[in-house]
Amino acid sequence: MSESRLVYSTDVGRIDTKEPKQEVQGKVFKDGAVRIERQTKGRKGKGVMLVVGIDNEQHDLKKLAKTLKSKMGQGGAVKEGVIEIQGDDREKLKQLLEGQGFKVKIAGG
């Protein structure tokens, strides 16, 4: 028999025994450049731009993502230390990041 595990109680509500999520460090490149990649895999053909290589110890990724999304007029998210911006206007995103002081390279095709 398998052990039963209590997940909800009428006294206290949902019981969460999982440890809190730790913030994931994104990939940082040796040359210090931020890369803008385009990805469609697993997204039903919808393209997103991935901003990879920003050190999340020096920069607030959520705040930066919010600024980029508002200036681009697109949606997006921060997942696993990578900023995702919907759409495919990498040149405009590159200009915005360079305006923020980042050294930027467009990666991929």
PDB file of N, CA and C in Angstrom:
ATOM      1  N   MET A   1       0.817  -1.183   0.000  1.00  0.00           N
ATOM      2  CA  MET A   1       0.000   0.000   0.000  1.00  0.00           C
ATOM      3  C   MET A   1       0.863   1.249   0.000  1.00  0.00           C
ATOM      4  N   SER A   2       0.397   2.254  -0.683  1.00  0.00           N
ATOM      5  CA  SER A   2       1.132   3.507  -0.690  1.00  0.00           C
ATOM      6  C   SER A   2       0.725   4.351   0.510  1.00  0.00           C
ATOM      7  N   GLU A   3       1.667   5.179   0.929  1.00  0.00           N
ATOM      8  CA  GLU A   3       1.380   6.059   2.056  1.00  0.00           C
ATOM      9  C   GLU A   3       0.456   7.184   1.618  1.00  0.00           C
ATOM     10  N   SER A   4      -0.482   7.540   2.476  1.00  0.00           N
ATOM     11  CA  SER A   4      -1.325   8.691   2.154  1.00  0.00           C
ATOM     12  C   SER A   4      -0.651   9.934   2.727  1.00  0.00           C
ATOM     13  N   ARG A   5      -0.801  11.006   2.006  1.00  0.00           N
ATOM     14  CA  ARG A   5      -0.163  12.259   2.410  1.00  0.00           C
ATOM     15  C   ARG A   5      -1.239  13.321   2.469  1.00  0.00           C
ATOM     16  N   LEU A   6      -1.337  14.010   3.585  1.00  0.00           N
ATOM     17  CA  LEU A   6      -2.338  15.040   3.779  1.00  0.00           C
ATOM     18  C   LEU A   6      -1.975  16.282   2.962  1.00  0.00           C
ATOM     19  N   VAL A   7      -2.879  16.718   2.076  1.00  0.00           N
ATOM     20  CA  VAL A   7      -2.614  17.904   1.260  1.00  0.00           C
ATOM     21  C   VAL A   7      -3.577  19.048   1.566  1.00  0.00           C
ATOM     22  N   TYR A   8      -4.698  18.749   2.227  1.00  0.00           N
ATOM     23  CA  TYR A   8      -5.651  19.805   2.556  1.00  0.00           C
ATOM     24  C   TYR A   8      -6.337  19.459   3.872  1.00  0.00           C
ATOM     25  N   SER A   9      -6.546  20.455   4.670  1.00  0.00           N
ATOM     26  CA  SER A   9      -7.256  20.277   5.925  1.00  0.00           C
ATOM     27  C   SER A   9      -8.266  21.407   6.059  1.00  0.00           C
ATOM     28  N   THR A  10      -9.447  21.067   6.551  1.00  0.00           N
ATOM     29  CA  THR A  10     -10.468  22.108   6.720  1.00  0.00           C
ATOM     30  C   THR A  10     -10.091  23.080   7.832  1.00  0.00           C
ATOM     31  N   ASP A  11      -9.175  22.677   8.699  1.00  0.00           N
ATOM     32  CA  ASP A  11      -8.742  23.568   9.780  1.00  0.00           C
ATOM     33  C   ASP A  11      -7.771  24.636   9.287  1.00  0.00           C
ATOM     34  N   VAL A  12      -6.781  24.242   8.472  1.00  0.00           N
ATOM     35  CA  VAL A  12      -5.734  25.182   8.079  1.00  0.00           C
ATOM     36  C   VAL A  12      -5.676  25.428   6.578  1.00  0.00           C
ATOM     37  N   GLY A  13      -6.453  24.719   5.781  1.00  0.00           N
ATOM     38  CA  GLY A  13      -6.428  24.915   4.329  1.00  0.00           C
ATOM     39  C   GLY A  13      -5.367  24.044   3.678  1.00  0.00           C
ATOM     40  N   ARG A  14      -4.816  24.523   2.570  1.00  0.00           N
ATOM     41  CA  ARG A  14      -3.822  23.758   1.812  1.00  0.00           C
ATOM     42  C   ARG A  14      -2.550  23.617   2.625  1.00  0.00           C
ATOM     43  N   ILE A  15      -2.018  22.410   2.650  1.00  0.00           N
ATOM     44  CA  ILE A  15      -0.796  22.121   3.377  1.00  0.00           C
ATOM     45  C   ILE A  15       0.312  21.958   2.355  1.00  0.00           C
ATOM     46  N   ASP A  16       1.286  22.845   2.409  1.00  0.00           N
ATOM     47  CA  ASP A  16       2.378  22.839   1.443  1.00  0.00           C
ATOM     48  C   ASP A  16       3.635  22.379   2.163  1.00  0.00           C
ATOM     49  N   THR A  17       4.105  21.182   1.821  1.00  0.00           N
ATOM     50  CA  THR A  17       5.297  20.658   2.464  1.00  0.00           C
ATOM     51  C   THR A  17       6.540  20.860   1.609  1.00  0.00           C
ATOM     52  N   LYS A  18       6.365  21.439   0.433  1.00  0.00           N
ATOM     53  CA  LYS A  18       7.500  21.676  -0.439  1.00  0.00           C
ATOM     54  C   LYS A  18       8.332  22.817   0.094  1.00  0.00           C
ATOM     55  N   GLU A  19       9.634  22.751  -0.198  1.00  0.00           N
ATOM     56  CA  GLU A  19      10.521  23.831   0.210  1.00  0.00           C
ATOM     57  C   GLU A  19      10.301  25.019  -0.721  1.00  0.00           C
ATOM     58  N   PRO A  20      10.516  26.225  -0.236  1.00  0.00           N
ATOM     59  CA  PRO A  20      10.341  27.387  -1.118  1.00  0.00           C
ATOM     60  C   PRO A  20      11.331  27.343  -2.271  1.00  0.00           C
ATOM     61  N   LYS A  21      10.886  27.865  -3.429  1.00  0.00           N
ATOM     62  CA  LYS A  21      11.736  27.872  -4.619  1.00  0.00           C
ATOM     63  C   LYS A  21      12.910  28.823  -4.418  1.00  0.00           C
ATOM     64  N   GLN A  22      14.070  28.369  -4.875  1.00  0.00           N
ATOM     65  CA  GLN A  22      15.237  29.230  -4.831  1.00  0.00           C
ATOM     66  C   GLN A  22      15.375  29.889  -6.189  1.00  0.00           C
ATOM     67  N   GLU A  23      15.863  31.105  -6.197  1.00  0.00           N
ATOM     68  CA  GLU A  23      16.033  31.821  -7.451  1.00  0.00           C
ATOM     69  C   GLU A  23      17.135  31.168  -8.275  1.00  0.00           C
ATOM     70  N   VAL A  24      16.841  30.912  -9.532  1.00  0.00           N
ATOM     71  CA  VAL A  24      17.781  30.222 -10.400  1.00  0.00           C
ATOM     72  C   VAL A  24      18.703  31.238 -11.062  1.00  0.00           C
ATOM     73  N   GLN A  25      19.990  30.918 -11.088  1.00  0.00           N
ATOM     74  CA  GLN A  25      20.975  31.777 -11.726  1.00  0.00           C
ATOM     75  C   GLN A  25      20.968  31.507 -13.217  1.00  0.00           C
ATOM     76  N   GLY A  26      20.799  32.523 -14.028  1.00  0.00           N
ATOM     77  CA  GLY A  26      20.845  32.376 -15.475  1.00  0.00           C
ATOM     78  C   GLY A  26      22.276  32.233 -15.959  1.00  0.00           C
ATOM     79  N   LYS A  27      22.432  31.863 -17.211  1.00  0.00           N
ATOM     80  CA  LYS A  27      23.755  31.679 -17.791  1.00  0.00           C
ATOM     81  C   LYS A  27      24.383  33.042 -18.069  1.00  0.00           C
ATOM     82  N   VAL A  28      25.612  33.247 -17.594  1.00  0.00           N
ATOM     83  CA  VAL A  28      26.350  34.481 -17.832  1.00  0.00           C
ATOM     84  C   VAL A  28      27.566  34.118 -18.694  1.00  0.00           C
ATOM     85  N   PHE A  29      27.774  34.847 -19.791  1.00  0.00           N
ATOM     86  CA  PHE A  29      28.844  34.548 -20.730  1.00  0.00           C
ATOM     87  C   PHE A  29      30.135  35.251 -20.325  1.00  0.00           C
ATOM     88  N   LYS A  30      31.270  34.643 -20.696  1.00  0.00           N
ATOM     89  CA  LYS A  30      32.585  35.176 -20.314  1.00  0.00           C
ATOM     90  C   LYS A  30      32.875  36.532 -20.942  1.00  0.00           C
ATOM     91  N   ASP A  31      32.371  36.770 -22.166  1.00  0.00           N
ATOM     92  CA  ASP A  31      32.657  38.045 -22.828  1.00  0.00           C
ATOM     93  C   ASP A  31      31.806  39.190 -22.285  1.00  0.00           C
ATOM     94  N   GLY A  32      30.874  38.887 -21.386  1.00  0.00           N
ATOM     95  CA  GLY A  32      30.057  39.916 -20.761  1.00  0.00           C
ATOM     96  C   GLY A  32      28.911  40.416 -21.620  1.00  0.00           C
ATOM     97  N   ALA A  33      28.719  39.809 -22.784  1.00  0.00           N
ATOM     98  CA  ALA A  33      27.654  40.249 -23.680  1.00  0.00           C
ATOM     99  C   ALA A  33      26.348  39.545 -23.335  1.00  0.00           C
ATOM    100  N   VAL A  34      25.262  40.267 -23.524  1.00  0.00           N
ATOM    101  CA  VAL A  34      23.921  39.722 -23.372  1.00  0.00           C
ATOM    102  C   VAL A  34      23.489  39.216 -24.747  1.00  0.00           C
ATOM    103  N   ARG A  35      22.907  38.041 -24.809  1.00  0.00           N
ATOM    104  CA  ARG A  35      22.485  37.465 -26.082  1.00  0.00           C
ATOM    105  C   ARG A  35      20.965  37.514 -26.205  1.00  0.00           C
ATOM    106  N   ILE A  36      20.496  37.842 -27.414  1.00  0.00           N
ATOM    107  CA  ILE A  36      19.069  37.812 -27.720  1.00  0.00           C
ATOM    108  C   ILE A  36      18.854  36.644 -28.670  1.00  0.00           C
ATOM    109  N   GLU A  37      18.111  35.652 -28.210  1.00  0.00           N
ATOM    110  CA  GLU A  37      17.831  34.463 -29.010  1.00  0.00           C
ATOM    111  C   GLU A  37      16.355  34.447 -29.378  1.00  0.00           C
ATOM    112  N   ARG A  38      16.043  33.767 -30.465  1.00  0.00           N
ATOM    113  CA  ARG A  38      14.646  33.587 -30.875  1.00  0.00           C
ATOM    114  C   ARG A  38      14.306  32.129 -30.682  1.00  0.00           C
ATOM    115  N   GLN A  39      13.147  31.849 -30.090  1.00  0.00           N
ATOM    116  CA  GLN A  39      12.751  30.476 -29.841  1.00  0.00           C
ATOM    117  C   GLN A  39      11.286  30.275 -30.196  1.00  0.00           C
ATOM    118  N   THR A  40      11.003  29.184 -30.909  1.00  0.00           N
ATOM    119  CA  THR A  40       9.616  28.823 -31.219  1.00  0.00           C
ATOM    120  C   THR A  40       9.302  27.416 -30.748  1.00  0.00           C
ATOM    121  N   LYS A  41      10.305  26.656 -30.393  1.00  0.00           N
ATOM    122  CA  LYS A  41      10.124  25.257 -30.020  1.00  0.00           C
ATOM    123  C   LYS A  41       9.244  25.135 -28.772  1.00  0.00           C
ATOM    124  N   GLY A  42       8.214  24.299 -28.863  1.00  0.00           N
ATOM    125  CA  GLY A  42       7.333  24.066 -27.724  1.00  0.00           C
ATOM    126  C   GLY A  42       6.351  25.188 -27.475  1.00  0.00           C
ATOM    127  N   ARG A  43       6.191  26.086 -28.439  1.00  0.00           N
ATOM    128  CA  ARG A  43       5.315  27.240 -28.250  1.00  0.00           C
ATOM    129  C   ARG A  43       4.254  27.331 -29.339  1.00  0.00           C
ATOM    130  N   LYS A  44       3.987  26.210 -29.991  1.00  0.00           N
ATOM    131  CA  LYS A  44       2.964  26.126 -31.043  1.00  0.00           C
ATOM    132  C   LYS A  44       3.208  27.141 -32.152  1.00  0.00           C
ATOM    133  N   GLY A  45       4.470  27.337 -32.518  1.00  0.00           N
ATOM    134  CA  GLY A  45       4.822  28.232 -33.610  1.00  0.00           C
ATOM    135  C   GLY A  45       4.928  29.693 -33.242  1.00  0.00           C
ATOM    136  N   LYS A  46       4.545  30.039 -32.044  1.00  0.00           N
ATOM    137  CA  LYS A  46       4.637  31.437 -31.600  1.00  0.00           C
ATOM    138  C   LYS A  46       6.070  31.733 -31.166  1.00  0.00           C
ATOM    139  N   GLY A  47       6.652  32.776 -31.707  1.00  0.00           N
ATOM    140  CA  GLY A  47       8.034  33.099 -31.400  1.00  0.00           C
ATOM    141  C   GLY A  47       8.165  33.990 -30.185  1.00  0.00           C
ATOM    142  N   VAL A  48       9.238  33.767 -29.422  1.00  0.00           N
ATOM    143  CA  VAL A  48       9.587  34.649 -28.318  1.00  0.00           C
ATOM    144  C   VAL A  48      11.069  34.974 -28.427  1.00  0.00           C
ATOM    145  N   MET A  49      11.445  36.094 -27.868  1.00  0.00           N
ATOM    146  CA  MET A  49      12.846  36.490 -27.802  1.00  0.00           C
ATOM    147  C   MET A  49      13.319  36.206 -26.388  1.00  0.00           C
ATOM    148  N   LEU A  50      14.460  35.538 -26.274  1.00  0.00           N
ATOM    149  CA  LEU A  50      15.036  35.224 -24.976  1.00  0.00           C
ATOM    150  C   LEU A  50      16.247  36.123 -24.748  1.00  0.00           C
ATOM    151  N   VAL A  51      16.263  36.814 -23.644  1.00  0.00           N
ATOM    152  CA  VAL A  51      17.406  37.655 -23.271  1.00  0.00           C
ATOM    153  C   VAL A  51      18.206  36.857 -22.250  1.00  0.00           C
ATOM    154  N   VAL A  52      19.381  36.380 -22.678  1.00  0.00           N
ATOM    155  CA  VAL A  52      20.199  35.477 -21.878  1.00  0.00           C
ATOM    156  C   VAL A  52      21.529  36.157 -21.556  1.00  0.00           C
ATOM    157  N   GLY A  53      22.020  35.938 -20.361  1.00  0.00           N
ATOM    158  CA  GLY A  53      23.352  36.413 -20.007  1.00  0.00           C
ATOM    159  C   GLY A  53      23.372  37.598 -19.068  1.00  0.00           C
ATOM    160  N   ILE A  54      22.248  37.941 -18.494  1.00  0.00           N
ATOM    161  CA  ILE A  54      22.211  39.048 -17.533  1.00  0.00           C
ATOM    162  C   ILE A  54      22.411  38.467 -16.138  1.00  0.00           C
ATOM    163  N   ASP A  55      23.360  38.999 -15.407  1.00  0.00           N
ATOM    164  CA  ASP A  55      23.644  38.533 -14.057  1.00  0.00           C
ATOM    165  C   ASP A  55      22.550  39.043 -13.122  1.00  0.00           C
ATOM    166  N   ASN A  56      21.768  38.107 -12.560  1.00  0.00           N
ATOM    167  CA  ASN A  56      20.648  38.546 -11.722  1.00  0.00           C
ATOM    168  C   ASN A  56      21.083  38.978 -10.325  1.00  0.00           C
ATOM    169  N   GLU A  57      22.369  38.883 -10.014  1.00  0.00           N
ATOM    170  CA  GLU A  57      22.855  39.422  -8.747  1.00  0.00           C
ATOM    171  C   GLU A  57      23.115  40.924  -8.868  1.00  0.00           C
ATOM    172  N   GLN A  58      23.426  41.378 -10.085  1.00  0.00           N
ATOM    173  CA  GLN A  58      23.703  42.794 -10.300  1.00  0.00           C
ATOM    174  C   GLN A  58      22.484  43.560 -10.786  1.00  0.00           C
ATOM    175  N   HIS A  59      21.541  42.864 -11.432  1.00  0.00           N
ATOM    176  CA  HIS A  59      20.372  43.526 -12.021  1.00  0.00           C
ATOM    177  C   HIS A  59      19.096  42.842 -11.551  1.00  0.00           C
ATOM    178  N   ASP A  60      18.069  43.633 -11.368  1.00  0.00           N
ATOM    179  CA  ASP A  60      16.756  43.106 -11.012  1.00  0.00           C
ATOM    180  C   ASP A  60      16.050  42.693 -12.305  1.00  0.00           C
ATOM    181  N   LEU A  61      15.991  41.382 -12.562  1.00  0.00           N
ATOM    182  CA  LEU A  61      15.448  40.888 -13.826  1.00  0.00           C
ATOM    183  C   LEU A  61      13.964  41.232 -13.988  1.00  0.00           C
ATOM    184  N   LYS A  62      13.201  41.160 -12.911  1.00  0.00           N
ATOM    185  CA  LYS A  62      11.772  41.458 -13.014  1.00  0.00           C
ATOM    186  C   LYS A  62      11.540  42.921 -13.389  1.00  0.00           C
ATOM    187  N   LYS A  63      12.294  43.805 -12.781  1.00  0.00           N
ATOM    188  CA  LYS A  63      12.153  45.233 -13.075  1.00  0.00           C
ATOM    189  C   LYS A  63      12.591  45.528 -14.509  1.00  0.00           C
ATOM    190  N   LEU A  64      13.707  44.927 -14.936  1.00  0.00           N
ATOM    191  CA  LEU A  64      14.193  45.109 -16.302  1.00  0.00           C
ATOM    192  C   LEU A  64      13.197  44.548 -17.312  1.00  0.00           C
ATOM    193  N   ALA A  65      12.649  43.369 -17.017  1.00  0.00           N
ATOM    194  CA  ALA A  65      11.665  42.754 -17.916  1.00  0.00           C
ATOM    195  C   ALA A  65      10.423  43.635 -18.041  1.00  0.00           C
ATOM    196  N   LYS A  66       9.984  44.207 -16.939  1.00  0.00           N
ATOM    197  CA  LYS A  66       8.807  45.078 -16.972  1.00  0.00           C
ATOM    198  C   LYS A  66       9.064  46.292 -17.844  1.00  0.00           C
ATOM    199  N   THR A  67      10.240  46.877 -17.733  1.00  0.00           N
ATOM    200  CA  THR A  67      10.604  48.032 -18.554  1.00  0.00           C
ATOM    201  C   THR A  67      10.635  47.659 -20.030  1.00  0.00           C
ATOM    202  N   LEU A  68      11.288  46.538 -20.354  1.00  0.00           N
ATOM    203  CA  LEU A  68      11.391  46.111 -21.746  1.00  0.00           C
ATOM    204  C   LEU A  68      10.023  45.790 -22.338  1.00  0.00           C
ATOM    205  N   LYS A  69       9.192  45.099 -21.573  1.00  0.00           N
ATOM    206  CA  LYS A  69       7.864  44.737 -22.076  1.00  0.00           C
ATOM    207  C   LYS A  69       7.019  45.974 -22.361  1.00  0.00           C
ATOM    208  N   SER A  70       7.106  46.966 -21.483  1.00  0.00           N
ATOM    209  CA  SER A  70       6.299  48.169 -21.689  1.00  0.00           C
ATOM    210  C   SER A  70       6.794  48.973 -22.888  1.00  0.00           C
ATOM    211  N   LYS A  71       8.119  49.064 -23.055  1.00  0.00           N
ATOM    212  CA  LYS A  71       8.655  49.813 -24.191  1.00  0.00           C
ATOM    213  C   LYS A  71       8.465  49.083 -25.510  1.00  0.00           C
ATOM    214  N   MET A  72       8.438  47.749 -25.475  1.00  0.00           N
ATOM    215  CA  MET A  72       8.227  46.954 -26.684  1.00  0.00           C
ATOM    216  C   MET A  72       6.735  46.832 -27.012  1.00  0.00           C
ATOM    217  N   GLY A  73       5.888  47.022 -26.015  1.00  0.00           N
ATOM    218  CA  GLY A  73       4.458  46.835 -26.227  1.00  0.00           C
ATOM    219  C   GLY A  73       4.099  45.370 -26.373  1.00  0.00           C
ATOM    220  N   GLN A  74       4.849  44.506 -25.688  1.00  0.00           N
ATOM    221  CA  GLN A  74       4.666  43.060 -25.784  1.00  0.00           C
ATOM    222  C   GLN A  74       4.515  42.468 -24.392  1.00  0.00           C
ATOM    223  N   GLY A  75       4.070  41.231 -24.373  1.00  0.00           N
ATOM    224  CA  GLY A  75       4.014  40.491 -23.120  1.00  0.00           C
ATOM    225  C   GLY A  75       5.326  39.759 -22.907  1.00  0.00           C
ATOM    226  N   GLY A  76       5.418  39.061 -21.795  1.00  0.00           N
ATOM    227  CA  GLY A  76       6.622  38.301 -21.525  1.00  0.00           C
ATOM    228  C   GLY A  76       6.670  37.837 -20.088  1.00  0.00           C
ATOM    229  N   ALA A  77       7.812  37.261 -19.715  1.00  0.00           N
ATOM    230  CA  ALA A  77       7.971  36.717 -18.369  1.00  0.00           C
ATOM    231  C   ALA A  77       9.454  36.578 -18.059  1.00  0.00           C
ATOM    232  N   VAL A  78       9.737  36.302 -16.780  1.00  0.00           N
ATOM    233  CA  VAL A  78      11.093  35.953 -16.352  1.00  0.00           C
ATOM    234  C   VAL A  78      11.023  34.520 -15.860  1.00  0.00           C
ATOM    235  N   LYS A  79      11.765  33.624 -16.515  1.00  0.00           N
ATOM    236  CA  LYS A  79      11.769  32.215 -16.138  1.00  0.00           C
ATOM    237  C   LYS A  79      13.199  31.715 -16.071  1.00  0.00           C
ATOM    238  N   GLU A  80      13.574  31.158 -14.931  1.00  0.00           N
ATOM    239  CA  GLU A  80      14.871  30.520 -14.734  1.00  0.00           C
ATOM    240  C   GLU A  80      16.045  31.431 -15.107  1.00  0.00           C
ATOM    241  N   GLY A  81      15.972  32.692 -14.731  1.00  0.00           N
ATOM    242  CA  GLY A  81      17.067  33.621 -14.987  1.00  0.00           C
ATOM    243  C   GLY A  81      17.144  34.126 -16.413  1.00  0.00           C
ATOM    244  N   VAL A  82      16.096  33.907 -17.209  1.00  0.00           N
ATOM    245  CA  VAL A  82      16.040  34.338 -18.607  1.00  0.00           C
ATOM    246  C   VAL A  82      14.798  35.203 -18.788  1.00  0.00           C
ATOM    247  N   ILE A  83      14.961  36.336 -19.466  1.00  0.00           N
ATOM    248  CA  ILE A  83      13.815  37.200 -19.761  1.00  0.00           C
ATOM    249  C   ILE A  83      13.227  36.774 -21.099  1.00  0.00           C
ATOM    250  N   GLU A  84      11.925  36.504 -21.124  1.00  0.00           N
ATOM    251  CA  GLU A  84      11.228  36.146 -22.351  1.00  0.00           C
ATOM    252  C   GLU A  84      10.336  37.316 -22.756  1.00  0.00           C
ATOM    253  N   ILE A  85      10.472  37.754 -24.006  1.00  0.00           N
ATOM    254  CA  ILE A  85       9.632  38.812 -24.552  1.00  0.00           C
ATOM    255  C   ILE A  85       8.928  38.237 -25.781  1.00  0.00           C
ATOM    256  N   GLN A  86       7.630  38.394 -25.856  1.00  0.00           N
ATOM    257  CA  GLN A  86       6.886  37.854 -26.990  1.00  0.00           C
ATOM    258  C   GLN A  86       7.170  38.645 -28.251  1.00  0.00           C
ATOM    259  N   GLY A  87       7.068  37.963 -29.400  1.00  0.00           N
ATOM    260  CA  GLY A  87       7.258  38.625 -30.680  1.00  0.00           C
ATOM    261  C   GLY A  87       8.651  38.389 -31.245  1.00  0.00           C
ATOM    262  N   ASP A  88       8.970  39.112 -32.333  1.00  0.00           N
ATOM    263  CA  ASP A  88      10.262  38.929 -32.993  1.00  0.00           C
ATOM    264  C   ASP A  88      10.761  40.255 -33.551  1.00  0.00           C
ATOM    265  N   ASP A  89      11.047  41.200 -32.677  1.00  0.00           N
ATOM    266  CA  ASP A  89      11.627  42.480 -33.082  1.00  0.00           C
ATOM    267  C   ASP A  89      12.944  42.631 -32.325  1.00  0.00           C
ATOM    268  N   ARG A  90      13.913  41.787 -32.705  1.00  0.00           N
ATOM    269  CA  ARG A  90      15.176  41.721 -31.978  1.00  0.00           C
ATOM    270  C   ARG A  90      15.994  42.996 -32.109  1.00  0.00           C
ATOM    271  N   GLU A  91      15.889  43.684 -33.235  1.00  0.00           N
ATOM    272  CA  GLU A  91      16.657  44.927 -33.409  1.00  0.00           C
ATOM    273  C   GLU A  91      16.194  46.000 -32.417  1.00  0.00           C
ATOM    274  N   LYS A  92      14.895  46.135 -32.257  1.00  0.00           N
ATOM    275  CA  LYS A  92      14.358  47.118 -31.304  1.00  0.00           C
ATOM    276  C   LYS A  92      14.763  46.743 -29.872  1.00  0.00           C
ATOM    277  N   LEU A  93      14.682  45.445 -29.558  1.00  0.00           N
ATOM    278  CA  LEU A  93      15.077  44.977 -28.225  1.00  0.00           C
ATOM    279  C   LEU A  93      16.563  45.226 -27.991  1.00  0.00           C
ATOM    280  N   LYS A  94      17.379  45.027 -29.015  1.00  0.00           N
ATOM    281  CA  LYS A  94      18.817  45.284 -28.911  1.00  0.00           C
ATOM    282  C   LYS A  94      19.073  46.754 -28.598  1.00  0.00           C
ATOM    283  N   GLN A  95      18.368  47.657 -29.287  1.00  0.00           N
ATOM    284  CA  GLN A  95      18.547  49.087 -29.041  1.00  0.00           C
ATOM    285  C   GLN A  95      18.136  49.464 -27.615  1.00  0.00           C
ATOM    286  N   LEU A  96      17.053  48.882 -27.128  1.00  0.00           N
ATOM    287  CA  LEU A  96      16.600  49.178 -25.770  1.00  0.00           C
ATOM    288  C   LEU A  96      17.618  48.702 -24.730  1.00  0.00           C
ATOM    289  N   LEU A  97      18.167  47.496 -24.942  1.00  0.00           N
ATOM    290  CA  LEU A  97      19.153  46.972 -24.001  1.00  0.00           C
ATOM    291  C   LEU A  97      20.450  47.774 -24.048  1.00  0.00           C
ATOM    292  N   GLU A  98      20.859  48.192 -25.247  1.00  0.00           N
ATOM    293  CA  GLU A  98      22.063  49.020 -25.354  1.00  0.00           C
ATOM    294  C   GLU A  98      21.841  50.362 -24.676  1.00  0.00           C
ATOM    295  N   GLY A  99      20.623  50.873 -24.742  1.00  0.00           N
ATOM    296  CA  GLY A  99      20.294  52.111 -24.039  1.00  0.00           C
ATOM    297  C   GLY A  99      20.369  51.965 -22.525  1.00  0.00           C
ATOM    298  N   GLN A 100      20.197  50.730 -22.037  1.00  0.00           N
ATOM    299  CA  GLN A 100      20.300  50.447 -20.605  1.00  0.00           C
ATOM    300  C   GLN A 100      21.766  50.206 -20.194  1.00  0.00           C
ATOM    301  N   GLY A 101      22.700  50.186 -21.179  1.00  0.00           N
ATOM    302  CA  GLY A 101      24.105  50.025 -20.869  1.00  0.00           C
ATOM    303  C   GLY A 101      24.655  48.620 -21.053  1.00  0.00           C
ATOM    304  N   PHE A 102      23.907  47.745 -21.705  1.00  0.00           N
ATOM    305  CA  PHE A 102      24.368  46.377 -21.920  1.00  0.00           C
ATOM    306  C   PHE A 102      25.080  46.255 -23.255  1.00  0.00           C
ATOM    307  N   LYS A 103      26.046  45.357 -23.315  1.00  0.00           N
ATOM    308  CA  LYS A 103      26.684  44.974 -24.575  1.00  0.00           C
ATOM    309  C   LYS A 103      25.858  43.806 -25.111  1.00  0.00           C
ATOM    310  N   VAL A 104      25.301  43.942 -26.335  1.00  0.00           N
ATOM    311  CA  VAL A 104      24.297  42.989 -26.820  1.00  0.00           C
ATOM    312  C   VAL A 104      24.747  42.341 -28.126  1.00  0.00           C
ATOM    313  N   LYS A 105      24.478  41.042 -28.222  1.00  0.00           N
ATOM    314  CA  LYS A 105      24.686  40.298 -29.467  1.00  0.00           C
ATOM    315  C   LYS A 105      23.398  39.573 -29.809  1.00  0.00           C
ATOM    316  N   ILE A 106      23.080  39.534 -31.101  1.00  0.00           N
ATOM    317  CA  ILE A 106      21.923  38.755 -31.557  1.00  0.00           C
ATOM    318  C   ILE A 106      22.419  37.368 -31.908  1.00  0.00           C
ATOM    319  N   ALA A 107      21.872  36.355 -31.250  1.00  0.00           N
ATOM    320  CA  ALA A 107      22.316  34.972 -31.440  1.00  0.00           C
ATOM    321  C   ALA A 107      21.257  34.196 -32.203  1.00  0.00           C
ATOM    322  N   GLY A 108      21.701  33.232 -32.966  1.00  0.00           N
ATOM    323  CA  GLY A 108      20.766  32.370 -33.695  1.00  0.00           C
ATOM    324  C   GLY A 108      20.270  33.001 -34.966  1.00  0.00           C
ATOM    325  N   GLY A 109      19.339  32.293 -35.626  1.00  0.00           N
ATOM    326  CA  GLY A 109      18.878  32.753 -36.938  1.00  0.00           C
ATOM    327  C   GLY A 109      17.591  33.365 -36.932  1.00  0.00           C
TER     328      GLY A 109
END
